[in-house]
PDB file of N, CA and C in Angstrom:
ATOM      1  N   UNK A   1       0.295  -1.289   0.151  1.00  0.00           N
ATOM      2  CA  UNK A   1       0.051  -0.001   0.340  1.00  0.00           C
ATOM      3  C   UNK A   1       0.898   1.316   0.023  1.00  0.00           C
ATOM      4  N   UNK A   2       0.873   2.201  -0.607  1.00  0.00           N
ATOM      5  CA  UNK A   2       1.062   3.698  -0.493  1.00  0.00           C
ATOM      6  C   UNK A   2       0.424   4.605  -0.752  1.00  0.00           C
ATOM      7  N   UNK A   3       0.810   5.465  -0.453  1.00  0.00           N
ATOM      8  CA  UNK A   3      -0.017   6.966   0.159  1.00  0.00           C
ATOM      9  C   UNK A   3      -0.480   7.229  -0.828  1.00  0.00           C
ATOM     10  N   UNK A   4      -0.630   7.085  -2.403  1.00  0.00           N
ATOM     11  CA  UNK A   4      -1.367   7.548  -3.070  1.00  0.00           C
ATOM     12  C   UNK A   4      -2.790   6.924  -3.075  1.00  0.00           C
ATOM     13  N   UNK A   5      -2.257   5.435  -2.573  1.00  0.00           N
ATOM     14  CA  UNK A   5      -3.607   4.577  -3.000  1.00  0.00           C
ATOM     15  C   UNK A   5      -4.630   4.527  -1.518  1.00  0.00           C
ATOM     16  N   UNK A   6      -3.750   4.822  -0.821  1.00  0.00           N
ATOM     17  CA  UNK A   6      -4.741   5.636   1.000  1.00  0.00           C
ATOM     18  C   UNK A   6      -5.036   6.622   0.416  1.00  0.00           C
ATOM     19  N   UNK A   7      -4.776   7.756   0.391  1.00  0.00           N
ATOM     20  CA  UNK A   7      -5.602   8.720  -0.145  1.00  0.00           C
ATOM     21  C   UNK A   7      -6.888   8.591  -1.063  1.00  0.00           C
ATOM     22  N   UNK A   8      -6.770   7.612  -1.939  1.00  0.00           N
ATOM     23  CA  UNK A   8      -7.408   7.488  -2.786  1.00  0.00           C
ATOM     24  C   UNK A   8      -9.061   6.329  -1.923  1.00  0.00           C
ATOM     25  N   UNK A   9      -8.456   5.940  -1.044  1.00  0.00           N
ATOM     26  CA  UNK A   9      -8.848   5.085  -0.174  1.00  0.00           C
ATOM     27  C   UNK A   9      -9.876   5.679   0.674  1.00  0.00           C
ATOM     28  N   UNK A  10      -9.651   6.736   1.100  1.00  0.00           N
ATOM     29  CA  UNK A  10      -9.923   7.941   1.713  1.00  0.00           C
ATOM     30  C   UNK A  10     -11.366   8.810   1.164  1.00  0.00           C
ATOM     31  N   UNK A  11     -10.920   9.253   0.497  1.00  0.00           N
ATOM     32  CA  UNK A  11     -11.842  10.272  -0.485  1.00  0.00           C
ATOM     33  C   UNK A  11     -12.642   9.371  -1.695  1.00  0.00           C
ATOM     34  N   UNK A  12     -12.898   8.311  -1.342  1.00  0.00           N
ATOM     35  CA  UNK A  12     -13.849   7.032  -1.995  1.00  0.00           C
ATOM     36  C   UNK A  12     -13.823   6.813  -3.360  1.00  0.00           C
ATOM     37  N   UNK A  13     -12.275   6.781  -3.704  1.00  0.00           N
ATOM     38  CA  UNK A  13     -12.263   7.060  -5.299  1.00  0.00           C
ATOM     39  C   UNK A  13     -12.097   5.348  -5.180  1.00  0.00           C
ATOM     40  N   UNK A  14     -11.334   4.424  -4.372  1.00  0.00           N
ATOM     41  CA  UNK A  14     -11.129   3.315  -4.141  1.00  0.00           C
ATOM     42  C   UNK A  14     -11.717   2.833  -3.043  1.00  0.00           C
ATOM     43  N   UNK A  15     -11.663   1.180  -3.055  1.00  0.00           N
ATOM     44  CA  UNK A  15     -12.087   0.131  -2.118  1.00  0.00           C
ATOM     45  C   UNK A  15     -10.834  -0.735  -1.386  1.00  0.00           C
ATOM     46  N   UNK A  16     -11.577  -1.080  -0.318  1.00  0.00           N
ATOM     47  CA  UNK A  16     -11.069  -2.464   0.354  1.00  0.00           C
ATOM     48  C   UNK A  16     -12.259  -3.484   0.563  1.00  0.00           C
ATOM     49  N   UNK A  17     -11.714  -4.489   0.186  1.00  0.00           N
ATOM     50  CA  UNK A  17     -12.849  -5.470   0.605  1.00  0.00           C
ATOM     51  C   UNK A  17     -12.328  -6.182   2.183  1.00  0.00           C
ATOM     52  N   UNK A  18     -13.333  -6.418   2.622  1.00  0.00           N
ATOM     53  CA  UNK A  18     -13.463  -7.039   3.852  1.00  0.00           C
ATOM     54  C   UNK A  18     -12.565  -8.822   3.727  1.00  0.00           C
ATOM     55  N   UNK A  19     -12.067  -9.163   4.788  1.00  0.00           N
ATOM     56  CA  UNK A  19     -11.289 -10.222   4.588  1.00  0.00           C
ATOM     57  C   UNK A  19     -12.565 -11.600   4.797  1.00  0.00           C
ATOM     58  N   UNK A  20     -13.935 -11.232   4.879  1.00  0.00           N
ATOM     59  CA  UNK A  20     -14.929 -12.216   5.104  1.00  0.00           C
ATOM     60  C   UNK A  20     -15.380 -12.048   3.372  1.00  0.00           C
ATOM     61  N   UNK A  21     -15.182 -11.225   2.338  1.00  0.00           N
ATOM     62  CA  UNK A  21     -15.404 -11.010   1.623  1.00  0.00           C
ATOM     63  C   UNK A  21     -14.532 -11.646   0.071  1.00  0.00           C
ATOM     64  N   UNK A  22     -13.472 -11.914   0.912  1.00  0.00           N
ATOM     65  CA  UNK A  22     -12.450 -12.491   0.021  1.00  0.00           C
ATOM     66  C   UNK A  22     -12.074 -14.193  -0.142  1.00  0.00           C
ATOM     67  N   UNK A  23     -12.212 -14.452  -1.706  1.00  0.00           N
ATOM     68  CA  UNK A  23     -11.917 -15.757  -2.219  1.00  0.00           C
ATOM     69  C   UNK A  23     -10.326 -16.002  -2.211  1.00  0.00           C
ATOM     70  N   UNK A  24      -9.878 -16.469  -1.662  1.00  0.00           N
ATOM     71  CA  UNK A  24      -8.497 -16.342  -1.543  1.00  0.00           C
ATOM     72  C   UNK A  24      -7.810 -17.843  -2.772  1.00  0.00           C
ATOM     73  N   UNK A  25      -6.668 -17.435  -3.106  1.00  0.00           N
ATOM     74  CA  UNK A  25      -6.273 -18.634  -5.067  1.00  0.00           C
ATOM     75  C   UNK A  25      -5.330 -18.786  -4.620  1.00  0.00           C
ATOM     76  N   UNK A  26      -4.365 -19.706  -5.011  1.00  0.00           N
ATOM     77  CA  UNK A  26      -3.179 -20.079  -4.782  1.00  0.00           C
ATOM     78  C   UNK A  26      -2.776 -20.501  -6.653  1.00  0.00           C
ATOM     79  N   UNK A  27      -1.885 -19.515  -6.790  1.00  0.00           N
ATOM     80  CA  UNK A  27      -1.924 -19.373  -8.496  1.00  0.00           C
ATOM     81  C   UNK A  27      -0.249 -20.270  -8.700  1.00  0.00           C
ATOM     82  N   UNK A  28       0.058 -20.731  -9.534  1.00  0.00           N
ATOM     83  CA  UNK A  28       1.587 -21.064  -9.790  1.00  0.00           C
ATOM     84  C   UNK A  28       1.818 -20.273 -10.773  1.00  0.00           C
ATOM     85  N   UNK A  29       3.500 -20.712 -10.761  1.00  0.00           N
ATOM     86  CA  UNK A  29       3.857 -19.747 -11.253  1.00  0.00           C
ATOM     87  C   UNK A  29       4.348 -20.224 -13.308  1.00  0.00           C
ATOM     88  N   UNK A  30       3.185 -19.449 -13.256  1.00  0.00           N
ATOM     89  CA  UNK A  30       3.116 -20.186 -14.983  1.00  0.00           C
ATOM     90  C   UNK A  30       3.129 -19.001 -15.965  1.00  0.00           C
ATOM     91  N   UNK A  31       3.889 -18.701 -17.153  1.00  0.00           N
ATOM     92  CA  UNK A  31       4.095 -17.429 -17.895  1.00  0.00           C
ATOM     93  C   UNK A  31       3.191 -16.828 -18.180  1.00  0.00           C
ATOM     94  N   UNK A  32       2.100 -17.733 -18.755  1.00  0.00           N
ATOM     95  CA  UNK A  32       0.646 -17.385 -19.346  1.00  0.00           C
ATOM     96  C   UNK A  32       0.034 -16.677 -17.423  1.00  0.00           C
ATOM     97  N   UNK A  33      -0.110 -16.811 -16.799  1.00  0.00           N
ATOM     98  CA  UNK A  33      -0.749 -16.778 -15.290  1.00  0.00           C
ATOM     99  C   UNK A  33       0.156 -15.589 -14.631  1.00  0.00           C
ATOM    100  N   UNK A  34       0.263 -14.761 -14.853  1.00  0.00           N
ATOM    101  CA  UNK A  34       1.550 -13.682 -14.313  1.00  0.00           C
ATOM    102  C   UNK A  34       0.456 -11.921 -14.247  1.00  0.00           C
ATOM    103  N   UNK A  35       0.456 -11.645 -13.400  1.00  0.00           N
ATOM    104  CA  UNK A  35      -0.065 -10.208 -13.179  1.00  0.00           C
ATOM    105  C   UNK A  35       0.344  -9.081 -14.261  1.00  0.00           C
ATOM    106  N   UNK A  36       1.295  -9.074 -15.106  1.00  0.00           N
ATOM    107  CA  UNK A  36       1.398  -8.372 -16.330  1.00  0.00           C
ATOM    108  C   UNK A  36       0.472  -8.946 -17.628  1.00  0.00           C
ATOM    109  N   UNK A  37       0.565 -10.332 -17.390  1.00  0.00           N
ATOM    110  CA  UNK A  37       0.023 -10.252 -18.846  1.00  0.00           C
ATOM    111  C   UNK A  37      -1.829 -10.012 -18.603  1.00  0.00           C
ATOM    112  N   UNK A  38      -2.121 -10.598 -17.441  1.00  0.00           N
ATOM    113  CA  UNK A  38      -3.596 -10.711 -16.902  1.00  0.00           C
ATOM    114  C   UNK A  38      -4.254  -9.259 -16.444  1.00  0.00           C
ATOM    115  N   UNK A  39      -3.432  -8.016 -15.944  1.00  0.00           N
ATOM    116  CA  UNK A  39      -4.200  -6.623 -15.529  1.00  0.00           C
ATOM    117  C   UNK A  39      -5.082  -5.786 -16.636  1.00  0.00           C
ATOM    118  N   UNK A  40      -4.026  -6.061 -17.118  1.00  0.00           N
ATOM    119  CA  UNK A  40      -4.753  -4.991 -18.340  1.00  0.00           C
ATOM    120  C   UNK A  40      -6.529  -5.456 -18.641  1.00  0.00           C
ATOM    121  N   UNK A  41      -6.610  -7.381 -19.169  1.00  0.00           N
ATOM    122  CA  UNK A  41      -7.579  -7.612 -18.896  1.00  0.00           C
ATOM    123  C   UNK A  41      -8.749  -7.828 -17.980  1.00  0.00           C
ATOM    124  N   UNK A  42      -8.103  -7.594 -16.704  1.00  0.00           N
ATOM    125  CA  UNK A  42      -9.325  -7.416 -14.924  1.00  0.00           C
ATOM    126  C   UNK A  42      -9.139  -6.483 -14.885  1.00  0.00           C
ATOM    127  N   UNK A  43      -8.217  -5.340 -14.778  1.00  0.00           N
ATOM    128  CA  UNK A  43      -8.277  -3.884 -13.858  1.00  0.00           C
ATOM    129  C   UNK A  43      -9.231  -3.000 -14.440  1.00  0.00           C
ATOM    130  N   UNK A  44      -9.434  -2.990 -15.698  1.00  0.00           N
ATOM    131  CA  UNK A  44     -10.710  -2.141 -16.395  1.00  0.00           C
ATOM    132  C   UNK A  44     -12.089  -2.843 -15.954  1.00  0.00           C
ATOM    133  N   UNK A  45     -12.535  -3.598 -15.822  1.00  0.00           N
ATOM    134  CA  UNK A  45     -13.691  -4.180 -15.675  1.00  0.00           C
ATOM    135  C   UNK A  45     -14.081  -3.215 -13.885  1.00  0.00           C
ATOM    136  N   UNK A  46     -15.160  -2.588 -14.086  1.00  0.00           N
ATOM    137  CA  UNK A  46     -15.946  -1.534 -13.124  1.00  0.00           C
ATOM    138  C   UNK A  46     -16.004  -2.816 -11.722  1.00  0.00           C
ATOM    139  N   UNK A  47     -16.346  -3.859 -11.754  1.00  0.00           N
ATOM    140  CA  UNK A  47     -16.204  -4.730 -10.478  1.00  0.00           C
ATOM    141  C   UNK A  47     -14.817  -4.352  -9.753  1.00  0.00           C
ATOM    142  N   UNK A  48     -13.639  -4.635  -9.957  1.00  0.00           N
ATOM    143  CA  UNK A  48     -12.845  -4.246  -9.549  1.00  0.00           C
ATOM    144  C   UNK A  48     -11.835  -3.470  -9.832  1.00  0.00           C
ATOM    145  N   UNK A  49     -12.217  -2.527 -10.591  1.00  0.00           N
ATOM    146  CA  UNK A  49     -11.379  -1.436 -10.867  1.00  0.00           C
ATOM    147  C   UNK A  49     -11.144  -0.959  -9.287  1.00  0.00           C
ATOM    148  N   UNK A  50     -12.239  -0.757  -8.807  1.00  0.00           N
ATOM    149  CA  UNK A  50     -12.153   0.187  -7.271  1.00  0.00           C
ATOM    150  C   UNK A  50     -11.236  -0.658  -6.585  1.00  0.00           C
ATOM    151  N   UNK A  51     -10.931  -1.778  -6.657  1.00  0.00           N
ATOM    152  CA  UNK A  51     -10.326  -2.560  -5.660  1.00  0.00           C
ATOM    153  C   UNK A  51      -8.660  -2.744  -6.203  1.00  0.00           C
ATOM    154  N   UNK A  52      -8.293  -2.211  -6.660  1.00  0.00           N
ATOM    155  CA  UNK A  52      -7.276  -1.761  -7.830  1.00  0.00           C
ATOM    156  C   UNK A  52      -6.132  -1.007  -7.351  1.00  0.00           C
ATOM    157  N   UNK A  53      -4.651  -0.717  -7.087  1.00  0.00           N
ATOM    158  CA  UNK A  53      -4.356   0.048  -6.521  1.00  0.00           C
ATOM    159  C   UNK A  53      -3.820   0.946  -8.013  1.00  0.00           C
ATOM    160  N   UNK A  54      -3.312   2.076  -7.609  1.00  0.00           N
ATOM    161  CA  UNK A  54      -3.055   3.058  -9.059  1.00  0.00           C
ATOM    162  C   UNK A  54      -1.355   2.616  -9.284  1.00  0.00           C
ATOM    163  N   UNK A  55      -1.602   1.795 -10.514  1.00  0.00           N
ATOM    164  CA  UNK A  55      -0.420   1.382 -10.982  1.00  0.00           C
ATOM    165  C   UNK A  55      -0.203   1.715 -12.644  1.00  0.00           C
ATOM    166  N   UNK A  56       1.417   2.336 -12.569  1.00  0.00           N
ATOM    167  CA  UNK A  56       1.868   2.721 -14.039  1.00  0.00           C
ATOM    168  C   UNK A  56       2.416   1.325 -14.421  1.00  0.00           C
ATOM    169  N   UNK A  57       2.892   1.422 -15.666  1.00  0.00           N
ATOM    170  CA  UNK A  57       3.330  -0.118 -16.032  1.00  0.00           C
ATOM    171  C   UNK A  57       5.376   0.302 -15.357  1.00  0.00           C
ATOM    172  N   UNK A  58       5.696   1.440 -15.458  1.00  0.00           N
ATOM    173  CA  UNK A  58       6.637   1.507 -14.166  1.00  0.00           C
ATOM    174  C   UNK A  58       6.835   1.038 -12.910  1.00  0.00           C
ATOM    175  N   UNK A  59       5.401   0.633 -12.331  1.00  0.00           N
ATOM    176  CA  UNK A  59       5.394   0.406 -10.812  1.00  0.00           C
ATOM    177  C   UNK A  59       4.998  -1.248 -11.101  1.00  0.00           C
ATOM    178  N   UNK A  60       4.572  -1.461 -12.315  1.00  0.00           N
ATOM    179  CA  UNK A  60       3.643  -2.851 -12.476  1.00  0.00           C
ATOM    180  C   UNK A  60       4.392  -3.947 -11.449  1.00  0.00           C
ATOM    181  N   UNK A  61       5.647  -3.880 -10.859  1.00  0.00           N
ATOM    182  CA  UNK A  61       6.398  -4.945  -9.817  1.00  0.00           C
ATOM    183  C   UNK A  61       5.840  -5.285  -8.631  1.00  0.00           C
ATOM    184  N   UNK A  62       5.072  -3.385  -8.477  1.00  0.00           N
ATOM    185  CA  UNK A  62       4.902  -3.398  -7.059  1.00  0.00           C
ATOM    186  C   UNK A  62       3.048  -4.058  -6.777  1.00  0.00           C
ATOM    187  N   UNK A  63       2.938  -4.293  -7.925  1.00  0.00           N
ATOM    188  CA  UNK A  63       1.349  -4.662  -7.552  1.00  0.00           C
ATOM    189  C   UNK A  63       1.571  -6.601  -7.172  1.00  0.00           C
ATOM    190  N   UNK A  64       1.026  -6.931  -5.667  1.00  0.00           N
ATOM    191  CA  UNK A  64       1.608  -7.806  -5.315  1.00  0.00           C
ATOM    192  C   UNK A  64       0.263  -8.868  -5.891  1.00  0.00           C
ATOM    193  N   UNK A  65       1.271  -9.729  -6.389  1.00  0.00           N
ATOM    194  CA  UNK A  65       0.247 -10.778  -7.203  1.00  0.00           C
ATOM    195  C   UNK A  65      -0.797 -11.727  -6.277  1.00  0.00           C
ATOM    196  N   UNK A  66      -0.477 -11.560  -4.942  1.00  0.00           N
ATOM    197  CA  UNK A  66      -1.069 -12.657  -4.472  1.00  0.00           C
ATOM    198  C   UNK A  66      -2.601 -11.443  -4.638  1.00  0.00           C
ATOM    199  N   UNK A  67      -2.777 -10.636  -4.063  1.00  0.00           N
ATOM    200  CA  UNK A  67      -3.752  -9.357  -3.682  1.00  0.00           C
ATOM    201  C   UNK A  67      -4.471  -9.287  -5.253  1.00  0.00           C
ATOM    202  N   UNK A  68      -3.424  -9.266  -6.226  1.00  0.00           N
ATOM    203  CA  UNK A  68      -4.129  -9.170  -7.603  1.00  0.00           C
ATOM    204  C   UNK A  68      -5.065 -10.060  -7.515  1.00  0.00           C
ATOM    205  N   UNK A  69      -4.641 -11.726  -7.580  1.00  0.00           N
ATOM    206  CA  UNK A  69      -4.967 -12.995  -7.905  1.00  0.00           C
ATOM    207  C   UNK A  69      -6.281 -12.873  -6.890  1.00  0.00           C
ATOM    208  N   UNK A  70      -6.004 -12.663  -5.825  1.00  0.00           N
ATOM    209  CA  UNK A  70      -7.628 -13.034  -4.484  1.00  0.00           C
ATOM    210  C   UNK A  70      -8.679 -11.803  -5.058  1.00  0.00           C
ATOM    211  N   UNK A  71      -8.347 -10.788  -5.556  1.00  0.00           N
ATOM    212  CA  UNK A  71      -9.284  -9.654  -5.866  1.00  0.00           C
ATOM    213  C   UNK A  71      -9.881 -10.371  -7.226  1.00  0.00           C
ATOM    214  N   UNK A  72      -9.423 -10.845  -7.991  1.00  0.00           N
ATOM    215  CA  UNK A  72     -10.000 -11.050  -9.226  1.00  0.00           C
ATOM    216  C   UNK A  72     -10.611 -12.346  -8.815  1.00  0.00           C
ATOM    217  N   UNK A  73     -10.150 -13.157  -8.143  1.00  0.00           N
ATOM    218  CA  UNK A  73     -11.139 -14.587  -7.900  1.00  0.00           C
ATOM    219  C   UNK A  73     -12.167 -14.267  -7.168  1.00  0.00           C
ATOM    220  N   UNK A  74     -12.336 -13.354  -6.575  1.00  0.00           N
ATOM    221  CA  UNK A  74     -13.277 -12.925  -5.381  1.00  0.00           C
ATOM    222  C   UNK A  74     -14.319 -12.797  -6.208  1.00  0.00           C
ATOM    223  N   UNK A  75     -14.056 -11.823  -7.774  1.00  0.00           N
ATOM    224  CA  UNK A  75     -15.376 -11.665  -8.728  1.00  0.00           C
ATOM    225  C   UNK A  75     -15.443 -12.073  -9.686  1.00  0.00           C
ATOM    226  N   UNK A  76     -14.273 -12.832  -9.961  1.00  0.00           N
ATOM    227  CA  UNK A  76     -14.743 -13.968 -10.924  1.00  0.00           C
ATOM    228  C   UNK A  76     -13.955 -15.022 -11.250  1.00  0.00           C
ATOM    229  N   UNK A  77     -14.564 -16.274 -10.116  1.00  0.00           N
ATOM    230  CA  UNK A  77     -13.768 -17.159  -9.516  1.00  0.00           C
ATOM    231  C   UNK A  77     -13.663 -17.889 -10.704  1.00  0.00           C
ATOM    232  N   UNK A  78     -15.064 -18.100 -11.781  1.00  0.00           N
ATOM    233  CA  UNK A  78     -15.098 -19.327 -12.651  1.00  0.00           C
ATOM    234  C   UNK A  78     -13.665 -18.834 -14.071  1.00  0.00           C
ATOM    235  N   UNK A  79     -13.456 -17.996 -14.396  1.00  0.00           N
ATOM    236  CA  UNK A  79     -12.535 -17.478 -15.586  1.00  0.00           C
ATOM    237  C   UNK A  79     -11.451 -17.645 -14.576  1.00  0.00           C
ATOM    238  N   UNK A  80     -10.910 -17.012 -12.819  1.00  0.00           N
ATOM    239  CA  UNK A  80     -10.056 -18.072 -12.790  1.00  0.00           C
ATOM    240  C   UNK A  80      -9.707 -19.051 -12.342  1.00  0.00           C
ATOM    241  N   UNK A  81     -10.937 -19.939 -12.027  1.00  0.00           N
ATOM    242  CA  UNK A  81     -10.462 -21.095 -12.749  1.00  0.00           C
ATOM    243  C   UNK A  81     -10.119 -22.195 -13.827  1.00  0.00           C
ATOM    244  N   UNK A  82     -10.360 -21.479 -14.474  1.00  0.00           N
ATOM    245  CA  UNK A  82     -10.316 -21.618 -16.160  1.00  0.00           C
ATOM    246  C   UNK A  82      -9.065 -21.527 -16.657  1.00  0.00           C
ATOM    247  N   UNK A  83      -8.615 -20.098 -16.303  1.00  0.00           N
ATOM    248  CA  UNK A  83      -7.078 -19.893 -16.518  1.00  0.00           C
ATOM    249  C   UNK A  83      -6.084 -20.964 -15.839  1.00  0.00           C
ATOM    250  N   UNK A  84      -6.464 -20.857 -14.523  1.00  0.00           N
ATOM    251  CA  UNK A  84      -5.362 -21.983 -13.846  1.00  0.00           C
ATOM    252  C   UNK A  84      -5.421 -23.344 -14.576  1.00  0.00           C
ATOM    253  N   UNK A  85      -6.917 -23.846 -14.732  1.00  0.00           N
ATOM    254  CA  UNK A  85      -6.971 -25.023 -15.450  1.00  0.00           C
ATOM    255  C   UNK A  85      -6.121 -25.284 -16.841  1.00  0.00           C
ATOM    256  N   UNK A  86      -6.180 -24.232 -17.361  1.00  0.00           N
ATOM    257  CA  UNK A  86      -5.412 -24.028 -18.605  1.00  0.00           C
ATOM    258  C   UNK A  86      -3.949 -24.284 -18.542  1.00  0.00           C
ATOM    259  N   UNK A  87      -3.231 -23.496 -17.549  1.00  0.00           N
ATOM    260  CA  UNK A  87      -2.258 -22.764 -17.508  1.00  0.00           C
ATOM    261  C   UNK A  87      -1.539 -24.581 -16.845  1.00  0.00           C
ATOM    262  N   UNK A  88      -2.915 -25.633 -16.066  1.00  0.00           N
ATOM    263  CA  UNK A  88      -1.889 -26.992 -16.076  1.00  0.00           C
ATOM    264  C   UNK A  88      -1.907 -27.883 -17.336  1.00  0.00           C
ATOM    265  N   UNK A  89      -2.635 -27.343 -18.410  1.00  0.00           N
ATOM    266  CA  UNK A  89      -2.331 -28.265 -19.009  1.00  0.00           C
ATOM    267  C   UNK A  89      -1.296 -28.136 -19.754  1.00  0.00           C
TER     268      UNK A  89
END
């Protein structure tokens, strides 16, 4: 979490999920299942855009992998399951 993200949470433009709402997922280290490859596809969706921290292409490495995939899995569990199954094949 950085200052910019905290400011956005406090002013209401970003949100946090309660621990009781999240659906954690364990994603293996597959090249096709990376934050870099999936961020553009999922971060623009209105359901999760408010939960994604402000990230520029230079700061992509700062986006926590576990957080990203947990948020995606919370809102799109079927798609996340399909992605993981495809990567395992």
